[in-house]
């Protein structure tokens, strides 16, 4: 299930397919290429040139990332354009960081707060 754009946090059931989609080395590389492009979109043709893999293989990997909610696609003329879904990526990052040092001590709470602040600053930049 792809998380709702309004949902501030993820459940295990929502995070698992996102993490599973990144479990392939090719998909992880593809995802990182899209992340590096920021809010600039990349065409499937451009991605195919960058990745140097057959179009059918690329299509398979893009479909898995789209199904997981990490990437979106839209048609612009004759081109199919891909972009990283930064809102969902932020929620996945927050989901993981919320578990960091989740003990009860005060120092654990401080570490989680620092991690959240770092994530918020990165969100403002992206």
Foldseek 3Di string as FASTA:
>chain_A
DADDLPDLADDCVLLVLQVVLCVDPLLVVLLVVQVVCPADKDWLVRSCVVSVDDSVVSVVSVVSNVVSVQKDWDDDPPTIIIHGPVSSVLNSQLNVLCPQLVDDDPVSVVSSVVSVVVSVVVVVVD
